[in-house]
Full PDB file with SEQRES, HELIX, SHEET, SSBOND, CRYST1, ORIGX, SCALE, CONECT and MASTER records, all heavy atoms in Angstrom:
SEQRES   1 A   35  PRO LYS ARG ASN ALA HIS GLN ALA MET HIS THR ILE VAL          
SEQRES   2 A   35  GLU ALA LEU ARG SER GLY ARG THR GLU VAL LEU ASP ALA          
SEQRES   3 A   35  ASP LEU SER LYS TYR PHE ASP THR ILE                          
HELIX    1 AA1 ALA A    5  ARG A   17  1                                  13    
HELIX    2 AA2 TYR A   31  THR A   34  1                                   4    
CRYST1    1.000    1.000    1.000  90.00  90.00  90.00 P 1           1          
ORIGX1      1.000000  0.000000  0.000000        0.00000                         
ORIGX2      0.000000  1.000000  0.000000        0.00000                         
ORIGX3      0.000000  0.000000  1.000000        0.00000                         
SCALE1      1.000000  0.000000  0.000000        0.00000                         
SCALE2      0.000000  1.000000  0.000000        0.00000                         
SCALE3      0.000000  0.000000  1.000000        0.00000                         
ATOM      1  N   PRO A   1     -73.579 -49.933-105.922  1.00  0.00           N  
ATOM      2  CA  PRO A   1     -74.213 -48.732-106.185  1.00  0.00           C  
ATOM      3  C   PRO A   1     -75.368 -48.456-105.180  1.00  0.00           C  
ATOM      4  O   PRO A   1     -76.139 -49.343-104.764  1.00  0.00           O  
ATOM      5  CB  PRO A   1     -74.741 -48.882-107.593  1.00  0.00           C  
ATOM      6  CG  PRO A   1     -74.672 -50.310-107.900  1.00  0.00           C  
ATOM      7  CD  PRO A   1     -73.682 -50.980-107.008  1.00  0.00           C  
ATOM      8  N   LYS A   2     -75.433 -47.224-104.767  1.00  0.00           N  
ATOM      9  CA  LYS A   2     -76.499 -46.705-103.930  1.00  0.00           C  
ATOM     10  C   LYS A   2     -76.526 -47.321-102.575  1.00  0.00           C  
ATOM     11  O   LYS A   2     -77.526 -47.626-101.846  1.00  0.00           O  
ATOM     12  CB  LYS A   2     -77.864 -46.880-104.565  1.00  0.00           C  
ATOM     13  CG  LYS A   2     -78.015 -46.104-105.844  1.00  0.00           C  
ATOM     14  CD  LYS A   2     -79.394 -46.315-106.432  1.00  0.00           C  
ATOM     15  CE  LYS A   2     -79.464 -45.464-107.764  1.00  0.00           C  
ATOM     16  NZ  LYS A   2     -80.492 -45.721-108.539  1.00  0.00           N  
ATOM     17  N   ARG A   3     -75.226 -47.807-102.087  1.00  0.00           N  
ATOM     18  CA  ARG A   3     -75.112 -48.414-100.792  1.00  0.00           C  
ATOM     19  C   ARG A   3     -73.925 -47.906-100.213  1.00  0.00           C  
ATOM     20  O   ARG A   3     -72.920 -47.529-100.874  1.00  0.00           O  
ATOM     21  CB  ARG A   3     -74.906 -49.973-100.936  1.00  0.00           C  
ATOM     22  CG  ARG A   3     -76.121 -50.654-101.435  1.00  0.00           C  
ATOM     23  CD  ARG A   3     -76.105 -52.118-101.490  1.00  0.00           C  
ATOM     24  NE  ARG A   3     -77.397 -52.640-101.881  1.00  0.00           N  
ATOM     25  CZ  ARG A   3     -78.341 -52.970-100.943  1.00  0.00           C  
ATOM     26  NH1 ARG A   3     -78.070 -52.802 -99.594  1.00  0.00           N  
ATOM     27  NH2 ARG A   3     -79.505 -53.403-101.214  1.00  0.00           N  
ATOM     28  N   ASN A   4     -73.911 -47.699 -98.755  1.00  0.00           N  
ATOM     29  CA  ASN A   4     -72.816 -47.107 -98.168  1.00  0.00           C  
ATOM     30  C   ASN A   4     -72.702 -47.568 -96.667  1.00  0.00           C  
ATOM     31  O   ASN A   4     -73.509 -48.259 -96.234  1.00  0.00           O  
ATOM     32  CB  ASN A   4     -73.063 -45.489 -98.225  1.00  0.00           C  
ATOM     33  CG  ASN A   4     -74.258 -45.011 -97.597  1.00  0.00           C  
ATOM     34  OD1 ASN A   4     -74.573 -45.362 -96.353  1.00  0.00           O  
ATOM     35  ND2 ASN A   4     -75.051 -44.204 -98.363  1.00  0.00           N  
ATOM     36  N   ALA A   5     -71.593 -46.988 -96.071  1.00  0.00           N  
ATOM     37  CA  ALA A   5     -71.394 -47.425 -94.671  1.00  0.00           C  
ATOM     38  C   ALA A   5     -72.465 -47.097 -93.663  1.00  0.00           C  
ATOM     39  O   ALA A   5     -72.733 -47.728 -92.697  1.00  0.00           O  
ATOM     40  CB  ALA A   5     -69.993 -46.917 -94.228  1.00  0.00           C  
ATOM     41  N   HIS A   6     -73.119 -45.911 -93.945  1.00  0.00           N  
ATOM     42  CA  HIS A   6     -74.198 -45.522 -93.062  1.00  0.00           C  
ATOM     43  C   HIS A   6     -75.347 -46.448 -93.060  1.00  0.00           C  
ATOM     44  O   HIS A   6     -75.939 -46.770 -92.013  1.00  0.00           O  
ATOM     45  CB  HIS A   6     -74.673 -44.119 -93.356  1.00  0.00           C  
ATOM     46  CG  HIS A   6     -73.624 -43.045 -93.145  1.00  0.00           C  
ATOM     47  ND1 HIS A   6     -73.235 -42.643 -91.947  1.00  0.00           N  
ATOM     48  CD2 HIS A   6     -72.939 -42.300 -94.097  1.00  0.00           C  
ATOM     49  CE1 HIS A   6     -72.325 -41.735 -92.027  1.00  0.00           C  
ATOM     50  NE2 HIS A   6     -72.088 -41.459 -93.294  1.00  0.00           N  
ATOM     51  N   GLN A   7     -75.684 -47.002 -94.242  1.00  0.00           N  
ATOM     52  CA  GLN A   7     -76.673 -48.040 -94.322  1.00  0.00           C  
ATOM     53  C   GLN A   7     -76.321 -49.258 -93.651  1.00  0.00           C  
ATOM     54  O   GLN A   7     -77.084 -49.968 -93.012  1.00  0.00           O  
ATOM     55  CB  GLN A   7     -76.998 -48.322 -95.868  1.00  0.00           C  
ATOM     56  CG  GLN A   7     -77.707 -47.157 -96.568  1.00  0.00           C  
ATOM     57  CD  GLN A   7     -77.562 -47.284 -98.079  1.00  0.00           C  
ATOM     58  OE1 GLN A   7     -76.663 -47.774 -98.654  1.00  0.00           O  
ATOM     59  NE2 GLN A   7     -78.743 -46.953 -98.587  1.00  0.00           N  
ATOM     60  N   ALA A   8     -75.102 -49.701 -93.700  1.00  0.00           N  
ATOM     61  CA  ALA A   8     -74.534 -50.804 -93.060  1.00  0.00           C  
ATOM     62  C   ALA A   8     -74.688 -50.642 -91.550  1.00  0.00           C  
ATOM     63  O   ALA A   8     -75.194 -51.556 -90.808  1.00  0.00           O  
ATOM     64  CB  ALA A   8     -73.126 -51.133 -93.347  1.00  0.00           C  
ATOM     65  N   MET A   9     -74.409 -49.402 -91.065  1.00  0.00           N  
ATOM     66  CA  MET A   9     -74.517 -49.224 -89.591  1.00  0.00           C  
ATOM     67  C   MET A   9     -75.973 -49.292 -89.129  1.00  0.00           C  
ATOM     68  O   MET A   9     -76.232 -49.737 -88.033  1.00  0.00           O  
ATOM     69  CB  MET A   9     -73.896 -47.814 -89.256  1.00  0.00           C  
ATOM     70  CG  MET A   9     -72.350 -47.764 -89.439  1.00  0.00           C  
ATOM     71  SD  MET A   9     -71.390 -48.948 -88.279  1.00  0.00           S  
ATOM     72  CE  MET A   9     -71.922 -48.333 -86.814  1.00  0.00           C  
ATOM     73  N   HIS A  10     -76.833 -48.755 -90.012  1.00  0.00           N  
ATOM     74  CA  HIS A  10     -78.229 -48.738 -89.659  1.00  0.00           C  
ATOM     75  C   HIS A  10     -78.708 -50.253 -89.537  1.00  0.00           C  
ATOM     76  O   HIS A  10     -79.525 -50.483 -88.606  1.00  0.00           O  
ATOM     77  CB  HIS A  10     -79.081 -48.098 -90.686  1.00  0.00           C  
ATOM     78  CG  HIS A  10     -80.546 -48.111 -90.469  1.00  0.00           C  
ATOM     79  ND1 HIS A  10     -81.156 -47.315 -89.482  1.00  0.00           N  
ATOM     80  CD2 HIS A  10     -81.543 -48.841 -91.145  1.00  0.00           C  
ATOM     81  CE1 HIS A  10     -82.427 -47.625 -89.624  1.00  0.00           C  
ATOM     82  NE2 HIS A  10     -82.647 -48.498 -90.559  1.00  0.00           N  
ATOM     83  N   THR A  11     -78.328 -51.025 -90.403  1.00  0.00           N  
ATOM     84  CA  THR A  11     -78.698 -52.428 -90.341  1.00  0.00           C  
ATOM     85  C   THR A  11     -78.151 -53.116 -89.156  1.00  0.00           C  
ATOM     86  O   THR A  11     -78.808 -53.935 -88.520  1.00  0.00           O  
ATOM     87  CB  THR A  11     -78.189 -53.156 -91.624  1.00  0.00           C  
ATOM     88  OG1 THR A  11     -78.676 -52.528 -92.807  1.00  0.00           O  
ATOM     89  CG2 THR A  11     -78.672 -54.630 -91.660  1.00  0.00           C  
ATOM     90  N   ILE A  12     -76.886 -52.733 -88.664  1.00  0.00           N  
ATOM     91  CA  ILE A  12     -76.390 -53.284 -87.488  1.00  0.00           C  
ATOM     92  C   ILE A  12     -77.151 -52.861 -86.255  1.00  0.00           C  
ATOM     93  O   ILE A  12     -77.564 -53.665 -85.399  1.00  0.00           O  
ATOM     94  CB  ILE A  12     -74.929 -52.911 -87.331  1.00  0.00           C  
ATOM     95  CG1 ILE A  12     -74.069 -53.624 -88.400  1.00  0.00           C  
ATOM     96  CG2 ILE A  12     -74.383 -53.127 -85.989  1.00  0.00           C  
ATOM     97  CD1 ILE A  12     -72.581 -53.072 -88.592  1.00  0.00           C  
ATOM     98  N   VAL A  13     -77.513 -51.572 -86.255  1.00  0.00           N  
ATOM     99  CA  VAL A  13     -78.240 -51.093 -85.113  1.00  0.00           C  
ATOM    100  C   VAL A  13     -79.671 -51.780 -85.026  1.00  0.00           C  
ATOM    101  O   VAL A  13     -80.074 -52.139 -83.903  1.00  0.00           O  
ATOM    102  CB  VAL A  13     -78.462 -49.579 -85.292  1.00  0.00           C  
ATOM    103  CG1 VAL A  13     -79.565 -48.981 -84.238  1.00  0.00           C  
ATOM    104  CG2 VAL A  13     -77.156 -48.858 -85.047  1.00  0.00           C  
ATOM    105  N   GLU A  14     -80.308 -52.044 -86.198  1.00  0.00           N  
ATOM    106  CA  GLU A  14     -81.622 -52.716 -86.214  1.00  0.00           C  
ATOM    107  C   GLU A  14     -81.445 -54.084 -85.656  1.00  0.00           C  
ATOM    108  O   GLU A  14     -82.320 -54.545 -84.922  1.00  0.00           O  
ATOM    109  CB  GLU A  14     -82.137 -52.667 -87.585  1.00  0.00           C  
ATOM    110  CG  GLU A  14     -82.679 -51.301 -88.055  1.00  0.00           C  
ATOM    111  CD  GLU A  14     -83.737 -50.674 -87.125  1.00  0.00           C  
ATOM    112  OE1 GLU A  14     -84.781 -51.412 -86.791  1.00  0.00           O  
ATOM    113  OE2 GLU A  14     -83.542 -49.557 -86.699  1.00  0.00           O  
ATOM    114  N   ALA A  15     -80.348 -54.805 -86.102  1.00  0.00           N  
ATOM    115  CA  ALA A  15     -80.131 -56.188 -85.505  1.00  0.00           C  
ATOM    116  C   ALA A  15     -79.960 -56.155 -84.035  1.00  0.00           C  
ATOM    117  O   ALA A  15     -80.489 -57.019 -83.318  1.00  0.00           O  
ATOM    118  CB  ALA A  15     -78.975 -56.779 -86.339  1.00  0.00           C  
ATOM    119  N   LEU A  16     -79.161 -55.224 -83.501  1.00  0.00           N  
ATOM    120  CA  LEU A  16     -78.952 -55.076 -82.047  1.00  0.00           C  
ATOM    121  C   LEU A  16     -80.266 -54.792 -81.299  1.00  0.00           C  
ATOM    122  O   LEU A  16     -80.552 -55.507 -80.344  1.00  0.00           O  
ATOM    123  CB  LEU A  16     -77.919 -53.960 -81.807  1.00  0.00           C  
ATOM    124  CG  LEU A  16     -76.490 -54.269 -82.133  1.00  0.00           C  
ATOM    125  CD1 LEU A  16     -75.671 -52.984 -82.098  1.00  0.00           C  
ATOM    126  CD2 LEU A  16     -75.854 -55.294 -81.258  1.00  0.00           C  
ATOM    127  N   ARG A  17     -81.074 -53.922 -81.879  1.00  0.00           N  
ATOM    128  CA  ARG A  17     -82.337 -53.672 -81.323  1.00  0.00           C  
ATOM    129  C   ARG A  17     -83.301 -54.839 -81.251  1.00  0.00           C  
ATOM    130  O   ARG A  17     -84.158 -54.938 -80.441  1.00  0.00           O  
ATOM    131  CB  ARG A  17     -83.024 -52.457 -82.060  1.00  0.00           C  
ATOM    132  CG  ARG A  17     -82.387 -51.242 -81.770  1.00  0.00           C  
ATOM    133  CD  ARG A  17     -83.212 -50.043 -82.428  1.00  0.00           C  
ATOM    134  NE  ARG A  17     -82.463 -48.716 -82.026  1.00  0.00           N  
ATOM    135  CZ  ARG A  17     -82.510 -47.706 -82.748  1.00  0.00           C  
ATOM    136  NH1 ARG A  17     -83.151 -47.658 -83.972  1.00  0.00           N  
ATOM    137  NH2 ARG A  17     -81.871 -46.577 -82.392  1.00  0.00           N  
ATOM    138  N   SER A  18     -83.143 -55.758 -82.116  1.00  0.00           N  
ATOM    139  CA  SER A  18     -83.995 -57.009 -82.264  1.00  0.00           C  
ATOM    140  C   SER A  18     -83.496 -58.086 -81.369  1.00  0.00           C  
ATOM    141  O   SER A  18     -84.009 -59.139 -81.401  1.00  0.00           O  
ATOM    142  CB  SER A  18     -84.060 -57.527 -83.725  1.00  0.00           C  
ATOM    143  OG  SER A  18     -82.843 -58.161 -84.124  1.00  0.00           O  
ATOM    144  N   GLY A  19     -82.454 -57.824 -80.554  1.00  0.00           N  
ATOM    145  CA  GLY A  19     -82.025 -58.781 -79.634  1.00  0.00           C  
ATOM    146  C   GLY A  19     -80.701 -59.626 -79.974  1.00  0.00           C  
ATOM    147  O   GLY A  19     -80.292 -60.491 -79.274  1.00  0.00           O  
ATOM    148  N   ARG A  20     -80.270 -59.341 -81.214  1.00  0.00           N  
ATOM    149  CA  ARG A  20     -79.021 -59.902 -81.709  1.00  0.00           C  
ATOM    150  C   ARG A  20     -77.795 -59.178 -81.179  1.00  0.00           C  
ATOM    151  O   ARG A  20     -77.175 -58.475 -81.785  1.00  0.00           O  
ATOM    152  CB  ARG A  20     -79.118 -60.049 -83.184  1.00  0.00           C  
ATOM    153  CG  ARG A  20     -80.185 -60.988 -83.645  1.00  0.00           C  
ATOM    154  CD  ARG A  20     -80.331 -60.847 -85.190  1.00  0.00           C  
ATOM    155  NE  ARG A  20     -81.371 -61.746 -85.650  1.00  0.00           N  
ATOM    156  CZ  ARG A  20     -82.657 -61.443 -85.744  1.00  0.00           C  
ATOM    157  NH1 ARG A  20     -83.097 -60.277 -85.359  1.00  0.00           N  
ATOM    158  NH2 ARG A  20     -83.463 -62.310 -86.281  1.00  0.00           N  
ATOM    159  N   THR A  21     -77.507 -59.478 -79.856  1.00  0.00           N  
ATOM    160  CA  THR A  21     -76.515 -58.640 -79.185  1.00  0.00           C  
ATOM    161  C   THR A  21     -75.191 -59.302 -79.046  1.00  0.00           C  
ATOM    162  O   THR A  21     -74.190 -58.733 -78.616  1.00  0.00           O  
ATOM    163  CB  THR A  21     -77.034 -58.219 -77.713  1.00  0.00           C  
ATOM    164  OG1 THR A  21     -77.295 -59.453 -77.066  1.00  0.00           O  
ATOM    165  CG2 THR A  21     -78.209 -57.372 -77.881  1.00  0.00           C  
ATOM    166  N   GLU A  22     -75.068 -60.604 -79.530  1.00  0.00           N  
ATOM    167  CA  GLU A  22     -73.726 -61.265 -79.488  1.00  0.00           C  
ATOM    168  C   GLU A  22     -73.107 -60.922 -80.869  1.00  0.00           C  
ATOM    169  O   GLU A  22     -73.752 -61.268 -82.011  1.00  0.00           O  
ATOM    170  CB  GLU A  22     -73.916 -62.733 -79.297  1.00  0.00           C  
ATOM    171  CG  GLU A  22     -72.588 -63.410 -79.066  1.00  0.00           C  
ATOM    172  CD  GLU A  22     -72.743 -64.807 -78.458  1.00  0.00           C  
ATOM    173  OE1 GLU A  22     -73.770 -65.133 -77.841  1.00  0.00           O  
ATOM    174  OE2 GLU A  22     -71.739 -65.650 -78.536  1.00  0.00           O  
ATOM    175  N   VAL A  23     -71.938 -60.305 -80.846  1.00  0.00           N  
ATOM    176  CA  VAL A  23     -71.406 -59.795 -82.107  1.00  0.00           C  
ATOM    177  C   VAL A  23     -70.039 -60.430 -82.421  1.00  0.00           C  
ATOM    178  O   VAL A  23     -69.197 -60.491 -81.599  1.00  0.00           O  
ATOM    179  CB  VAL A  23     -71.242 -58.214 -82.052  1.00  0.00           C  
ATOM    180  CG1 VAL A  23     -70.600 -57.721 -83.344  1.00  0.00           C  
ATOM    181  CG2 VAL A  23     -72.563 -57.615 -81.741  1.00  0.00           C  
ATOM    182  N   LEU A  24     -69.918 -61.002 -83.601  1.00  0.00           N  
ATOM    183  CA  LEU A  24     -68.712 -61.557 -84.151  1.00  0.00           C  
ATOM    184  C   LEU A  24     -68.219 -60.555 -85.191  1.00  0.00           C  
ATOM    185  O   LEU A  24     -68.820 -60.356 -86.223  1.00  0.00           O  
ATOM    186  CB  LEU A  24     -68.766 -62.923 -84.839  1.00  0.00           C  
ATOM    187  CG  LEU A  24     -67.656 -63.516 -85.580  1.00  0.00           C  
ATOM    188  CD1 LEU A  24     -66.401 -63.645 -84.720  1.00  0.00           C  
ATOM    189  CD2 LEU A  24     -67.976 -64.735 -86.231  1.00  0.00           C  
ATOM    190  N   ASP A  25     -67.090 -59.736 -84.812  1.00  0.00           N  
ATOM    191  CA  ASP A  25     -66.555 -58.791 -85.791  1.00  0.00           C  
ATOM    192  C   ASP A  25     -65.387 -59.508 -86.486  1.00  0.00           C  
ATOM    193  O   ASP A  25     -64.433 -59.983 -85.880  1.00  0.00           O  
ATOM    194  CB  ASP A  25     -65.960 -57.623 -84.968  1.00  0.00           C  
ATOM    195  CG  ASP A  25     -65.428 -56.509 -85.782  1.00  0.00           C  
ATOM    196  OD1 ASP A  25     -65.697 -56.519 -86.951  1.00  0.00           O  
ATOM    197  OD2 ASP A  25     -64.665 -55.658 -85.172  1.00  0.00           O  
ATOM    198  N   ALA A  26     -65.499 -59.481 -87.872  1.00  0.00           N  
ATOM    199  CA  ALA A  26     -64.507 -60.254 -88.631  1.00  0.00           C  
ATOM    200  C   ALA A  26     -64.022 -59.572 -89.779  1.00  0.00           C  
ATOM    201  O   ALA A  26     -64.578 -58.644 -90.346  1.00  0.00           O  
ATOM    202  CB  ALA A  26     -65.260 -61.570 -89.181  1.00  0.00           C  
ATOM    203  N   ASP A  27     -62.783 -59.834 -90.107  1.00  0.00           N  
ATOM    204  CA  ASP A  27     -62.068 -59.298 -91.283  1.00  0.00           C  
ATOM    205  C   ASP A  27     -61.344 -60.496 -91.949  1.00  0.00           C  
ATOM    206  O   ASP A  27     -60.762 -61.372 -91.219  1.00  0.00           O  
ATOM    207  CB  ASP A  27     -61.123 -58.317 -90.810  1.00  0.00           C  
ATOM    208  CG  ASP A  27     -60.147 -57.738 -91.877  1.00  0.00           C  
ATOM    209  OD1 ASP A  27     -60.705 -57.441 -92.991  1.00  0.00           O  
ATOM    210  OD2 ASP A  27     -58.917 -57.788 -91.649  1.00  0.00           O  
ATOM    211  N   LEU A  28     -61.390 -60.595 -93.206  1.00  0.00           N  
ATOM    212  CA  LEU A  28     -60.711 -61.747 -93.880  1.00  0.00           C  
ATOM    213  C   LEU A  28     -59.223 -61.375 -94.145  1.00  0.00           C  
ATOM    214  O   LEU A  28     -58.896 -60.263 -94.549  1.00  0.00           O  
ATOM    215  CB  LEU A  28     -61.399 -62.017 -95.271  1.00  0.00           C  
ATOM    216  CG  LEU A  28     -62.883 -62.512 -95.068  1.00  0.00           C  
ATOM    217  CD1 LEU A  28     -63.544 -62.728 -96.415  1.00  0.00           C  
ATOM    218  CD2 LEU A  28     -62.912 -63.764 -94.218  1.00  0.00           C  
ATOM    219  N   SER A  29     -58.496 -62.349 -93.922  1.00  0.00           N  
ATOM    220  CA  SER A  29     -56.936 -62.145 -94.112  1.00  0.00           C  
ATOM    221  C   SER A  29     -56.630 -62.105 -95.514  1.00  0.00           C  
ATOM    222  O   SER A  29     -56.812 -63.029 -96.280  1.00  0.00           O  
ATOM    223  CB  SER A  29     -56.231 -63.435 -93.316  1.00  0.00           C  
ATOM    224  OG  SER A  29     -54.937 -63.184 -93.408  1.00  0.00           O  
ATOM    225  N   LYS A  30     -56.000 -61.001 -95.948  1.00  0.00           N  
ATOM    226  CA  LYS A  30     -55.552 -60.856 -97.300  1.00  0.00           C  
ATOM    227  C   LYS A  30     -56.578 -61.290 -98.386  1.00  0.00           C  
ATOM    228  O   LYS A  30     -56.219 -61.936 -99.307  1.00  0.00           O  
ATOM    229  CB  LYS A  30     -54.200 -61.513 -97.507  1.00  0.00           C  
ATOM    230  CG  LYS A  30     -53.181 -61.140 -96.564  1.00  0.00           C  
ATOM    231  CD  LYS A  30     -51.891 -61.853 -96.784  1.00  0.00           C  
ATOM    232  CE  LYS A  30     -50.824 -61.465 -95.781  1.00  0.00           C  
ATOM    233  NZ  LYS A  30     -49.619 -62.144 -95.861  1.00  0.00           N  
ATOM    234  N   TYR A  31     -57.787 -60.860 -98.163  1.00  0.00           N  
ATOM    235  CA  TYR A  31     -58.940 -61.446 -99.005  1.00  0.00           C  
ATOM    236  C   TYR A  31     -58.740 -61.193-100.480  1.00  0.00           C  
ATOM    237  O   TYR A  31     -58.788 -62.050-101.261  1.00  0.00           O  
ATOM    238  CB  TYR A  31     -60.245 -60.803 -98.542  1.00  0.00           C  
ATOM    239  CG  TYR A  31     -61.379 -61.312 -99.461  1.00  0.00           C  
ATOM    240  CD1 TYR A  31     -61.689 -62.530 -99.609  1.00  0.00           C  
ATOM    241  CD2 TYR A  31     -62.173 -60.278-100.085  1.00  0.00           C  
ATOM    242  CE1 TYR A  31     -62.832 -62.878-100.407  1.00  0.00           C  
ATOM    243  CE2 TYR A  31     -63.203 -60.681-100.939  1.00  0.00           C  
ATOM    244  CZ  TYR A  31     -63.483 -61.990-101.070  1.00  0.00           C  
ATOM    245  OH  TYR A  31     -64.526 -62.383-101.906  1.00  0.00           O  
ATOM    246  N   PHE A  32     -58.452 -59.998-100.883  1.00  0.00           N  
ATOM    247  CA  PHE A  32     -58.330 -59.698-102.317  1.00  0.00           C  
ATOM    248  C   PHE A  32     -57.098 -60.398-102.992  1.00  0.00           C  
ATOM    249  O   PHE A  32     -57.142 -60.688-104.132  1.00  0.00           O  
ATOM    250  CB  PHE A  32     -58.204 -58.169-102.590  1.00  0.00           C  
ATOM    251  CG  PHE A  32     -59.515 -57.485-102.323  1.00  0.00           C  
ATOM    252  CD1 PHE A  32     -59.989 -57.014-101.112  1.00  0.00           C  
ATOM    253  CD2 PHE A  32     -60.357 -57.196-103.449  1.00  0.00           C  
ATOM    254  CE1 PHE A  32     -61.216 -56.400-100.882  1.00  0.00           C  
ATOM    255  CE2 PHE A  32     -61.606 -56.604-103.304  1.00  0.00           C  
ATOM    256  CZ  PHE A  32     -62.046 -56.092-102.043  1.00  0.00           C  
ATOM    257  N   ASP A  33     -56.173 -60.782-102.126  1.00  0.00           N  
ATOM    258  CA  ASP A  33     -55.023 -61.454-102.545  1.00  0.00           C  
ATOM    259  C   ASP A  33     -55.165 -62.988-102.663  1.00  0.00           C  
ATOM    260  O   ASP A  33     -54.281 -63.674-103.242  1.00  0.00           O  
ATOM    261  CB  ASP A  33     -53.733 -61.200-101.813  1.00  0.00           C  
ATOM    262  CG  ASP A  33     -53.392 -59.711-101.852  1.00  0.00           C  
ATOM    263  OD1 ASP A  33     -53.595 -59.035-102.867  1.00  0.00           O  
ATOM    264  OD2 ASP A  33     -52.829 -59.159-100.827  1.00  0.00           O  
ATOM    265  N   THR A  34     -56.162 -63.491-102.047  1.00  0.00           N  
ATOM    266  CA  THR A  34     -56.244 -64.948-101.783  1.00  0.00           C  
ATOM    267  C   THR A  34     -57.502 -65.577-102.481  1.00  0.00           C  
ATOM    268  O   THR A  34     -57.585 -66.781-102.324  1.00  0.00           O  
ATOM    269  CB  THR A  34     -56.225 -65.363-100.309  1.00  0.00           C  
ATOM    270  OG1 THR A  34     -57.351 -64.636 -99.661  1.00  0.00           O  
ATOM    271  CG2 THR A  34     -54.924 -64.857 -99.635  1.00  0.00           C  
ATOM    272  N   ILE A  35     -58.342 -64.813-103.081  1.00  0.00           N  
ATOM    273  CA  ILE A  35     -59.593 -65.483-103.713  1.00  0.00           C  
ATOM    274  C   ILE A  35     -59.075 -66.431-104.765  1.00  0.00           C  
ATOM    275  O   ILE A  35     -58.334 -66.151-105.649  1.00  0.00           O  
ATOM    276  CB  ILE A  35     -60.359 -64.333-104.347  1.00  0.00           C  
ATOM    277  CG1 ILE A  35     -60.874 -63.330-103.475  1.00  0.00           C  
ATOM    278  CG2 ILE A  35     -61.584 -65.024-105.086  1.00  0.00           C  
ATOM    279  CD1 ILE A  35     -61.543 -62.071-103.973  1.00  0.00           C  
TER     280      ILE A  35                                                      
MASTER        0    0    0    2    0    0    0    6  279    1    0    3          
END                                                                             
């Protein structure tokens, strides 16, 4: 609730601005099916 993709992007931009420029982009394989 009260959270969205734009807020996530803002958090990413802030991290990049703080010098955290090495990025690991990840997606879990069949996550909802394998928990």
